Structure formats: C-alpha cells, structure tokens
C-alpha cells in the first residue's frame, strides 16, 4: 500500500513538473522570467517538489532494478544512489535555501532567463558543491546554447 501511495505521489509530482517544463510556450513554463514573478514560498515549494519527485522516482527505479536484476547490478545501484545523492537530493534546510537563493542570483543575469528552472538548478548545484567558477561558467554557457536551440525550433 505504501509503495502505491509513493508511486501515486511521485507520478503526480513528475506530471506537474513535466507539464510545466514541456509546455515551453505556455504560461506554465518555469524559466527565469516566471521565477521572478512567483513568491518565495512558491519557489521553495517548486524546489522541494522537484527533489521529492526526483528522489521518489530514483528510489522506485532502484527497487525495480533490484527485483529484476541479480548480484551483478548491485554495484550499479550503489553508483546510481551515490550519484543522485551527490547531485540532486537536498539533505538539509540550509541546502534548500541555498538552492533557492542560488536560483535567484542565477536569474539576475538576463542571459540566463530563458534557461528552465530544472536546468538552472543543475548549474546552481555545482556552486553549492564547490565547483570552480570556470566549471560553472562552462556549464552555464552550454545550457544557454541548448535552451536557445530548443526555443528557436
């Protein structure tokens, strides 16, 4: 019963996020322009929902791999869990607040405003994890190019 509940919640969260992400030219597209318009509470809610959905889906993927796999997949599962924790899962309130503050600062640069929030977080997470400014800038420029190509089609 608990798995069905978690699956339902995760699917709902992922549906809401995917709807806001894929509807690029609608009012639900969360980029820097939209990010500036929403309240701080809404920003916190968005970030928390994103990570709850991601971590729940990640857990379900790991469980499915365990059920369908054998001993040969255990190391891959451990790598997936470690990678996910290192890159996405918020471990405490201060990291959550850092993410929201980082997104606010990221979108102060007009050149970043077209980048969707979920991609902007990847860049902000690099700063939180202590990557060099050169590395962060390299990823930022890549995201700008990718976003511009997608939006121009």
N, C-alpha and C. Protein backbone atom coordinates (compact mmCIF):
# COMPACT_ATOMS: atom_id res chain seq x y z
N UNK A 1 0.82 -1.19 0.00
CA UNK A 1 0.00 0.00 0.00
C UNK A 1 0.87 1.26 0.00
N UNK A 2 1.93 1.22 0.79
CA UNK A 2 2.83 2.38 0.89
C UNK A 2 3.50 2.65 -0.47
N UNK A 3 3.89 1.57 -1.18
CA UNK A 3 4.52 1.74 -2.49
C UNK A 3 3.56 2.36 -3.49
N UNK A 4 2.31 1.95 -3.44
CA UNK A 4 1.31 2.51 -4.35
C UNK A 4 1.11 3.99 -4.04
N UNK A 5 1.06 4.33 -2.75
CA UNK A 5 0.91 5.74 -2.35
C UNK A 5 2.11 6.55 -2.84
N UNK A 6 3.32 6.06 -2.59
CA UNK A 6 4.52 6.78 -3.03
C UNK A 6 4.57 6.90 -4.55
N UNK A 7 4.20 5.83 -5.23
CA UNK A 7 4.17 5.87 -6.69
C UNK A 7 3.18 6.92 -7.19
N UNK A 8 2.00 6.96 -6.58
CA UNK A 8 0.98 7.93 -6.98
C UNK A 8 1.46 9.36 -6.76
N UNK A 9 2.04 9.62 -5.59
CA UNK A 9 2.54 10.96 -5.29
C UNK A 9 3.67 11.33 -6.25
N UNK A 10 4.59 10.40 -6.48
CA UNK A 10 5.72 10.67 -7.38
C UNK A 10 5.24 10.96 -8.80
N UNK A 11 4.30 10.16 -9.27
CA UNK A 11 3.77 10.37 -10.61
C UNK A 11 3.06 11.72 -10.73
N UNK A 12 2.32 12.08 -9.69
CA UNK A 12 1.65 13.38 -9.70
C UNK A 12 2.66 14.52 -9.75
N UNK A 13 3.68 14.43 -8.92
CA UNK A 13 4.72 15.47 -8.90
C UNK A 13 5.42 15.53 -10.24
N UNK A 14 5.82 14.38 -10.78
CA UNK A 14 6.52 14.36 -12.06
C UNK A 14 5.62 14.87 -13.20
N UNK A 15 4.32 14.53 -13.14
CA UNK A 15 3.41 15.04 -14.16
C UNK A 15 3.34 16.56 -14.10
N UNK A 16 3.18 17.10 -12.91
CA UNK A 16 3.11 18.56 -12.78
C UNK A 16 4.39 19.22 -13.25
N UNK A 17 5.53 18.64 -12.89
CA UNK A 17 6.80 19.21 -13.32
C UNK A 17 6.98 19.07 -14.83
N UNK A 18 6.66 17.90 -15.37
CA UNK A 18 6.85 17.72 -16.81
C UNK A 18 5.90 18.62 -17.59
N UNK A 19 4.70 18.82 -17.08
CA UNK A 19 3.77 19.72 -17.76
C UNK A 19 4.34 21.13 -17.79
N UNK A 20 4.88 21.58 -16.67
CA UNK A 20 5.43 22.94 -16.63
C UNK A 20 6.68 23.06 -17.49
N UNK A 21 7.43 21.98 -17.62
CA UNK A 21 8.68 22.02 -18.39
C UNK A 21 8.40 21.91 -19.89
N UNK A 22 7.54 20.98 -20.29
CA UNK A 22 7.34 20.74 -21.72
C UNK A 22 6.43 21.77 -22.38
N UNK A 23 5.64 22.46 -21.60
CA UNK A 23 4.74 23.46 -22.17
C UNK A 23 5.50 24.77 -22.33
N UNK A 24 6.56 24.73 -23.13
CA UNK A 24 7.56 25.81 -23.19
C UNK A 24 6.99 27.16 -23.57
N UNK A 25 5.96 27.20 -24.34
CA UNK A 25 5.44 28.49 -24.77
C UNK A 25 4.14 28.85 -24.06
N UNK A 26 3.77 28.08 -23.06
CA UNK A 26 2.57 28.38 -22.29
C UNK A 26 2.92 29.12 -21.02
N UNK A 27 1.90 29.40 -20.23
CA UNK A 27 2.12 30.16 -19.02
C UNK A 27 2.79 29.34 -17.91
N UNK A 28 2.89 28.04 -18.06
CA UNK A 28 3.45 27.20 -17.01
C UNK A 28 4.92 26.86 -17.22
N UNK A 29 5.56 27.52 -18.12
CA UNK A 29 6.98 27.28 -18.38
C UNK A 29 7.80 28.02 -17.32
N UNK A 30 8.50 27.28 -16.49
CA UNK A 30 9.26 27.89 -15.41
C UNK A 30 10.69 28.17 -15.85
N UNK A 31 10.90 29.39 -16.28
CA UNK A 31 12.23 29.86 -16.61
C UNK A 31 12.51 31.07 -15.71
N UNK A 32 13.54 31.82 -16.02
CA UNK A 32 13.90 32.96 -15.18
C UNK A 32 12.85 34.05 -15.15
N UNK A 33 12.13 34.23 -16.26
CA UNK A 33 11.09 35.25 -16.29
C UNK A 33 9.96 34.89 -15.33
N UNK A 34 9.55 33.62 -15.35
CA UNK A 34 8.50 33.16 -14.44
C UNK A 34 9.01 33.11 -13.00
N UNK A 35 10.25 32.67 -12.83
CA UNK A 35 10.84 32.54 -11.50
C UNK A 35 10.78 33.87 -10.75
N UNK A 36 11.02 34.97 -11.45
CA UNK A 36 11.00 36.29 -10.81
C UNK A 36 9.60 36.71 -10.39
N UNK A 37 8.58 36.16 -11.01
CA UNK A 37 7.20 36.56 -10.73
C UNK A 37 6.57 35.83 -9.55
N UNK A 38 7.11 34.67 -9.19
CA UNK A 38 6.47 33.89 -8.13
C UNK A 38 7.04 34.26 -6.77
N UNK A 39 6.26 33.99 -5.73
CA UNK A 39 6.67 34.33 -4.36
C UNK A 39 7.79 33.41 -3.88
N UNK A 40 8.44 33.82 -2.80
CA UNK A 40 9.49 32.99 -2.21
C UNK A 40 8.94 31.65 -1.75
N UNK A 41 7.71 31.64 -1.23
CA UNK A 41 7.08 30.39 -0.79
C UNK A 41 6.87 29.45 -1.97
N UNK A 42 6.44 30.02 -3.09
CA UNK A 42 6.24 29.20 -4.30
C UNK A 42 7.56 28.65 -4.82
N UNK A 43 8.62 29.45 -4.71
CA UNK A 43 9.94 28.98 -5.13
C UNK A 43 10.39 27.81 -4.27
N UNK A 44 10.20 27.93 -2.96
CA UNK A 44 10.55 26.83 -2.06
C UNK A 44 9.74 25.58 -2.39
N UNK A 45 8.45 25.78 -2.60
CA UNK A 45 7.58 24.65 -2.93
C UNK A 45 8.01 23.97 -4.22
N UNK A 46 8.34 24.75 -5.23
CA UNK A 46 8.77 24.20 -6.51
C UNK A 46 10.03 23.35 -6.34
N UNK A 47 11.02 23.90 -5.63
CA UNK A 47 12.28 23.18 -5.44
C UNK A 47 12.07 21.91 -4.62
N UNK A 48 11.28 22.00 -3.55
CA UNK A 48 11.01 20.82 -2.72
C UNK A 48 10.28 19.75 -3.54
N UNK A 49 9.27 20.15 -4.31
CA UNK A 49 8.52 19.19 -5.12
C UNK A 49 9.41 18.53 -6.16
N UNK A 50 10.29 19.31 -6.77
CA UNK A 50 11.21 18.75 -7.76
C UNK A 50 12.06 17.65 -7.14
N UNK A 51 12.62 17.93 -5.97
CA UNK A 51 13.52 16.96 -5.35
C UNK A 51 12.78 15.78 -4.74
N UNK A 52 11.59 16.02 -4.21
CA UNK A 52 10.80 14.90 -3.71
C UNK A 52 10.45 13.96 -4.85
N UNK A 53 10.00 14.52 -5.95
CA UNK A 53 9.67 13.70 -7.12
C UNK A 53 10.87 12.95 -7.64
N UNK A 54 11.99 13.64 -7.74
CA UNK A 54 13.20 13.00 -8.24
C UNK A 54 13.66 11.87 -7.32
N UNK A 55 13.70 12.14 -6.02
CA UNK A 55 14.20 11.11 -5.11
C UNK A 55 13.25 9.93 -5.03
N UNK A 56 11.93 10.17 -5.08
CA UNK A 56 10.98 9.06 -5.07
C UNK A 56 11.09 8.22 -6.33
N UNK A 57 11.21 8.86 -7.48
CA UNK A 57 11.37 8.12 -8.74
C UNK A 57 12.67 7.34 -8.75
N UNK A 58 13.73 7.96 -8.24
CA UNK A 58 15.01 7.29 -8.16
C UNK A 58 14.91 6.04 -7.28
N UNK A 59 14.23 6.15 -6.16
CA UNK A 59 14.05 5.00 -5.26
C UNK A 59 13.29 3.88 -5.94
N UNK A 60 12.25 4.24 -6.70
CA UNK A 60 11.47 3.22 -7.40
C UNK A 60 12.29 2.54 -8.49
N UNK A 61 13.12 3.31 -9.19
CA UNK A 61 13.99 2.72 -10.21
C UNK A 61 14.95 1.72 -9.56
N UNK A 62 15.53 2.12 -8.44
CA UNK A 62 16.46 1.23 -7.73
C UNK A 62 15.76 -0.05 -7.30
N UNK A 63 14.55 0.06 -6.76
CA UNK A 63 13.81 -1.13 -6.34
C UNK A 63 13.49 -2.03 -7.52
N UNK A 64 13.11 -1.44 -8.64
CA UNK A 64 12.80 -2.23 -9.84
C UNK A 64 14.04 -2.97 -10.34
N UNK A 65 15.18 -2.28 -10.31
CA UNK A 65 16.44 -2.93 -10.72
C UNK A 65 16.76 -4.09 -9.79
N UNK A 66 16.56 -3.89 -8.50
CA UNK A 66 16.84 -4.96 -7.53
C UNK A 66 15.95 -6.17 -7.77
N UNK A 67 14.68 -5.91 -8.07
CA UNK A 67 13.74 -7.01 -8.29
C UNK A 67 14.09 -7.77 -9.57
N UNK A 68 14.41 -7.07 -10.63
CA UNK A 68 14.66 -7.70 -11.93
C UNK A 68 16.10 -8.14 -12.15
N UNK A 69 17.00 -7.64 -11.34
CA UNK A 69 18.41 -7.94 -11.53
C UNK A 69 18.90 -8.96 -10.52
N UNK A 70 20.18 -9.15 -10.54
CA UNK A 70 20.80 -10.05 -9.59
C UNK A 70 21.97 -9.35 -8.93
N UNK A 71 22.93 -10.14 -8.50
CA UNK A 71 24.11 -9.57 -7.84
C UNK A 71 24.92 -8.67 -8.76
N UNK A 72 24.82 -8.90 -10.05
CA UNK A 72 25.62 -8.12 -11.00
C UNK A 72 25.22 -6.65 -11.05
N UNK A 73 24.00 -6.33 -10.64
CA UNK A 73 23.55 -4.94 -10.71
C UNK A 73 23.73 -4.16 -9.41
N UNK A 74 24.14 -4.84 -8.35
CA UNK A 74 24.26 -4.18 -7.04
C UNK A 74 25.20 -2.98 -7.10
N UNK A 75 26.35 -3.13 -7.74
CA UNK A 75 27.30 -2.02 -7.82
C UNK A 75 26.72 -0.86 -8.62
N UNK A 76 25.99 -1.16 -9.70
CA UNK A 76 25.36 -0.10 -10.48
C UNK A 76 24.31 0.65 -9.67
N UNK A 77 23.57 -0.08 -8.85
CA UNK A 77 22.57 0.54 -7.99
C UNK A 77 23.25 1.48 -7.00
N UNK A 78 24.33 1.01 -6.40
CA UNK A 78 25.06 1.85 -5.44
C UNK A 78 25.60 3.11 -6.11
N UNK A 79 26.10 2.98 -7.34
CA UNK A 79 26.60 4.15 -8.07
C UNK A 79 25.47 5.12 -8.39
N UNK A 80 24.31 4.59 -8.80
CA UNK A 80 23.16 5.44 -9.10
C UNK A 80 22.71 6.20 -7.86
N UNK A 81 22.63 5.50 -6.72
CA UNK A 81 22.22 6.16 -5.49
C UNK A 81 23.21 7.24 -5.08
N UNK A 82 24.50 6.93 -5.16
CA UNK A 82 25.53 7.91 -4.78
C UNK A 82 25.47 9.11 -5.70
N UNK A 83 25.37 8.88 -7.00
CA UNK A 83 25.31 9.98 -7.96
C UNK A 83 24.09 10.86 -7.69
N UNK A 84 22.95 10.24 -7.45
CA UNK A 84 21.73 11.00 -7.19
C UNK A 84 21.85 11.85 -5.94
N UNK A 85 22.38 11.26 -4.89
CA UNK A 85 22.54 12.00 -3.64
C UNK A 85 23.52 13.15 -3.81
N UNK A 86 24.60 12.91 -4.53
CA UNK A 86 25.61 13.95 -4.72
C UNK A 86 25.09 15.10 -5.58
N UNK A 87 24.18 14.83 -6.48
CA UNK A 87 23.77 15.83 -7.46
C UNK A 87 22.41 16.46 -7.21
N UNK A 88 21.50 15.76 -6.59
CA UNK A 88 20.13 16.28 -6.55
C UNK A 88 19.48 16.33 -5.17
N UNK A 89 19.71 15.35 -4.36
CA UNK A 89 18.92 15.22 -3.14
C UNK A 89 19.37 16.24 -2.10
N UNK A 90 18.42 17.03 -1.65
CA UNK A 90 18.70 18.03 -0.63
C UNK A 90 18.71 17.33 0.72
N UNK A 91 19.78 17.53 1.44
CA UNK A 91 19.96 16.82 2.70
C UNK A 91 19.52 17.62 3.91
N UNK A 92 19.43 18.93 3.79
CA UNK A 92 19.02 19.74 4.93
C UNK A 92 18.42 21.05 4.45
N UNK A 93 17.83 21.77 5.41
CA UNK A 93 17.14 23.02 5.09
C UNK A 93 18.09 24.06 4.50
N UNK A 94 19.31 24.11 5.00
CA UNK A 94 20.24 25.14 4.51
C UNK A 94 20.55 24.93 3.02
N UNK A 95 20.65 23.68 2.58
CA UNK A 95 20.90 23.41 1.17
C UNK A 95 19.70 23.82 0.33
N UNK A 96 18.51 23.58 0.83
CA UNK A 96 17.29 24.01 0.14
C UNK A 96 17.29 25.53 -0.02
N UNK A 97 17.58 26.24 1.04
CA UNK A 97 17.61 27.70 0.98
C UNK A 97 18.73 28.19 0.07
N UNK A 98 19.86 27.49 0.08
CA UNK A 98 20.96 27.83 -0.83
C UNK A 98 20.52 27.67 -2.28
N UNK A 99 19.76 26.63 -2.56
CA UNK A 99 19.30 26.38 -3.92
C UNK A 99 18.38 27.50 -4.40
N UNK A 100 17.43 27.90 -3.56
CA UNK A 100 16.52 28.98 -3.94
C UNK A 100 17.28 30.29 -4.10
N UNK A 101 18.16 30.59 -3.15
CA UNK A 101 18.97 31.82 -3.24
C UNK A 101 19.87 31.78 -4.48
N UNK A 102 20.44 30.61 -4.75
CA UNK A 102 21.30 30.46 -5.92
C UNK A 102 20.53 30.67 -7.22
N UNK A 103 19.30 30.16 -7.27
CA UNK A 103 18.47 30.37 -8.46
C UNK A 103 18.11 31.84 -8.62
N UNK A 104 17.80 32.51 -7.51
CA UNK A 104 17.52 33.95 -7.58
C UNK A 104 18.70 34.71 -8.16
N UNK A 105 19.89 34.40 -7.69
CA UNK A 105 21.10 35.08 -8.17
C UNK A 105 21.41 34.69 -9.63
N UNK A 106 21.21 33.43 -9.95
CA UNK A 106 21.47 32.95 -11.31
C UNK A 106 20.62 33.73 -12.32
N UNK A 107 19.36 33.95 -11.98
CA UNK A 107 18.45 34.62 -12.91
C UNK A 107 18.59 36.14 -12.91
N UNK A 108 19.46 36.69 -12.07
CA UNK A 108 19.74 38.13 -12.15
C UNK A 108 20.43 38.47 -13.46
N UNK A 109 21.16 37.51 -14.03
CA UNK A 109 21.82 37.70 -15.32
C UNK A 109 20.78 37.47 -16.43
N UNK A 110 20.51 38.50 -17.21
CA UNK A 110 19.48 38.41 -18.24
C UNK A 110 19.74 37.27 -19.23
N UNK A 111 20.99 36.97 -19.49
CA UNK A 111 21.34 35.90 -20.44
C UNK A 111 20.88 34.53 -19.96
N UNK A 112 20.59 34.40 -18.66
CA UNK A 112 20.17 33.11 -18.09
C UNK A 112 18.65 32.95 -18.01
N UNK A 113 17.91 33.98 -18.30
CA UNK A 113 16.47 33.97 -18.03
C UNK A 113 15.68 32.94 -18.83
N UNK A 114 16.15 32.52 -20.00
CA UNK A 114 15.42 31.54 -20.80
C UNK A 114 15.68 30.10 -20.36
N UNK A 115 16.66 29.90 -19.51
CA UNK A 115 17.01 28.54 -19.06
C UNK A 115 15.94 28.05 -18.09
N UNK A 116 15.35 26.88 -18.35
CA UNK A 116 14.34 26.32 -17.44
C UNK A 116 14.91 26.11 -16.03
N UNK A 117 14.04 26.19 -15.05
CA UNK A 117 14.47 26.10 -13.65
C UNK A 117 15.18 24.78 -13.38
N UNK A 118 14.67 23.67 -13.91
CA UNK A 118 15.31 22.39 -13.60
C UNK A 118 16.73 22.31 -14.15
N UNK A 119 17.02 22.98 -15.27
CA UNK A 119 18.39 23.02 -15.78
C UNK A 119 19.23 24.03 -15.00
N UNK A 120 18.61 25.14 -14.61
CA UNK A 120 19.33 26.14 -13.82
C UNK A 120 19.78 25.56 -12.49
N UNK A 121 18.93 24.68 -11.92
CA UNK A 121 19.33 24.06 -10.65
C UNK A 121 20.61 23.25 -10.80
N UNK A 122 20.76 22.56 -11.93
CA UNK A 122 21.98 21.78 -12.13
C UNK A 122 23.21 22.68 -12.03
N UNK A 123 23.11 23.88 -12.58
CA UNK A 123 24.22 24.82 -12.52
C UNK A 123 24.41 25.33 -11.10
N UNK A 124 23.31 25.68 -10.45
CA UNK A 124 23.38 26.18 -9.07
C UNK A 124 23.96 25.11 -8.14
N UNK A 125 23.61 23.86 -8.39
CA UNK A 125 24.13 22.77 -7.55
C UNK A 125 25.64 22.63 -7.67
N UNK A 126 26.18 22.97 -8.83
CA UNK A 126 27.64 22.94 -8.99
C UNK A 126 28.30 23.93 -8.02
N UNK A 127 27.71 25.12 -7.92
CA UNK A 127 28.25 26.12 -6.98
C UNK A 127 28.13 25.63 -5.54
N UNK A 128 26.98 25.08 -5.21
CA UNK A 128 26.75 24.60 -3.84
C UNK A 128 27.76 23.52 -3.48
N UNK A 129 28.09 22.68 -4.47
CA UNK A 129 29.03 21.58 -4.21
C UNK A 129 30.49 22.00 -4.35
N UNK A 130 30.75 23.28 -4.63
CA UNK A 130 32.12 23.79 -4.60
C UNK A 130 32.91 23.69 -5.89
N UNK A 131 32.23 23.56 -7.02
CA UNK A 131 32.94 23.53 -8.30
C UNK A 131 33.55 24.91 -8.58
N UNK A 132 34.59 24.94 -9.38
CA UNK A 132 35.25 26.20 -9.72
C UNK A 132 34.32 27.07 -10.57
N UNK A 133 34.56 28.37 -10.52
CA UNK A 133 33.74 29.29 -11.30
C UNK A 133 33.88 29.03 -12.80
N UNK A 134 35.07 28.61 -13.24
CA UNK A 134 35.27 28.26 -14.66
C UNK A 134 34.37 27.10 -15.07
N UNK A 135 34.29 26.09 -14.22
CA UNK A 135 33.45 24.92 -14.50
C UNK A 135 31.97 25.32 -14.53
N UNK A 136 31.57 26.14 -13.57
CA UNK A 136 30.18 26.61 -13.52
C UNK A 136 29.85 27.41 -14.78
N UNK A 137 30.76 28.28 -15.17
CA UNK A 137 30.54 29.11 -16.35
C UNK A 137 30.44 28.27 -17.62
N UNK A 138 31.26 27.23 -17.71
CA UNK A 138 31.22 26.34 -18.87
C UNK A 138 29.85 25.68 -18.99
N UNK A 139 29.32 25.19 -17.88
CA UNK A 139 28.00 24.56 -17.89
C UNK A 139 26.90 25.58 -18.18
N UNK A 140 27.06 26.78 -17.65
CA UNK A 140 26.07 27.83 -17.91
C UNK A 140 25.98 28.14 -19.40
N UNK A 141 27.12 28.29 -20.03
CA UNK A 141 27.13 28.58 -21.47
C UNK A 141 26.54 27.44 -22.29
N UNK A 142 26.81 26.21 -21.87
CA UNK A 142 26.22 25.05 -22.55
C UNK A 142 24.70 25.08 -22.43
N UNK A 143 24.19 25.35 -21.24
CA UNK A 143 22.74 25.41 -21.03
C UNK A 143 22.11 26.54 -21.84
N UNK A 144 22.80 27.66 -21.95
CA UNK A 144 22.28 28.77 -22.77
C UNK A 144 22.14 28.33 -24.22
N UNK A 145 23.17 27.67 -24.75
CA UNK A 145 23.13 27.22 -26.15
C UNK A 145 22.01 26.21 -26.36
N UNK A 146 21.91 25.24 -25.47
CA UNK A 146 20.88 24.20 -25.60
C UNK A 146 19.50 24.83 -25.55
N UNK A 147 19.28 25.70 -24.59
CA UNK A 147 17.97 26.35 -24.45
C UNK A 147 17.63 27.18 -25.67
N UNK A 148 18.58 27.92 -26.17
CA UNK A 148 18.31 28.74 -27.36
C UNK A 148 17.97 27.88 -28.57
N UNK A 149 18.64 26.75 -28.74
CA UNK A 149 18.34 25.85 -29.86
C UNK A 149 16.92 25.29 -29.74
N UNK A 150 16.54 24.90 -28.54
CA UNK A 150 15.21 24.32 -28.32
C UNK A 150 14.13 25.37 -28.56
N UNK A 151 14.32 26.56 -28.03
CA UNK A 151 13.29 27.59 -28.13
C UNK A 151 13.18 28.18 -29.52
N UNK A 152 14.22 28.08 -30.32
CA UNK A 152 14.17 28.64 -31.67
C UNK A 152 13.51 27.70 -32.67
N UNK A 153 13.30 26.45 -32.30
CA UNK A 153 12.67 25.48 -33.22
C UNK A 153 11.17 25.64 -33.21
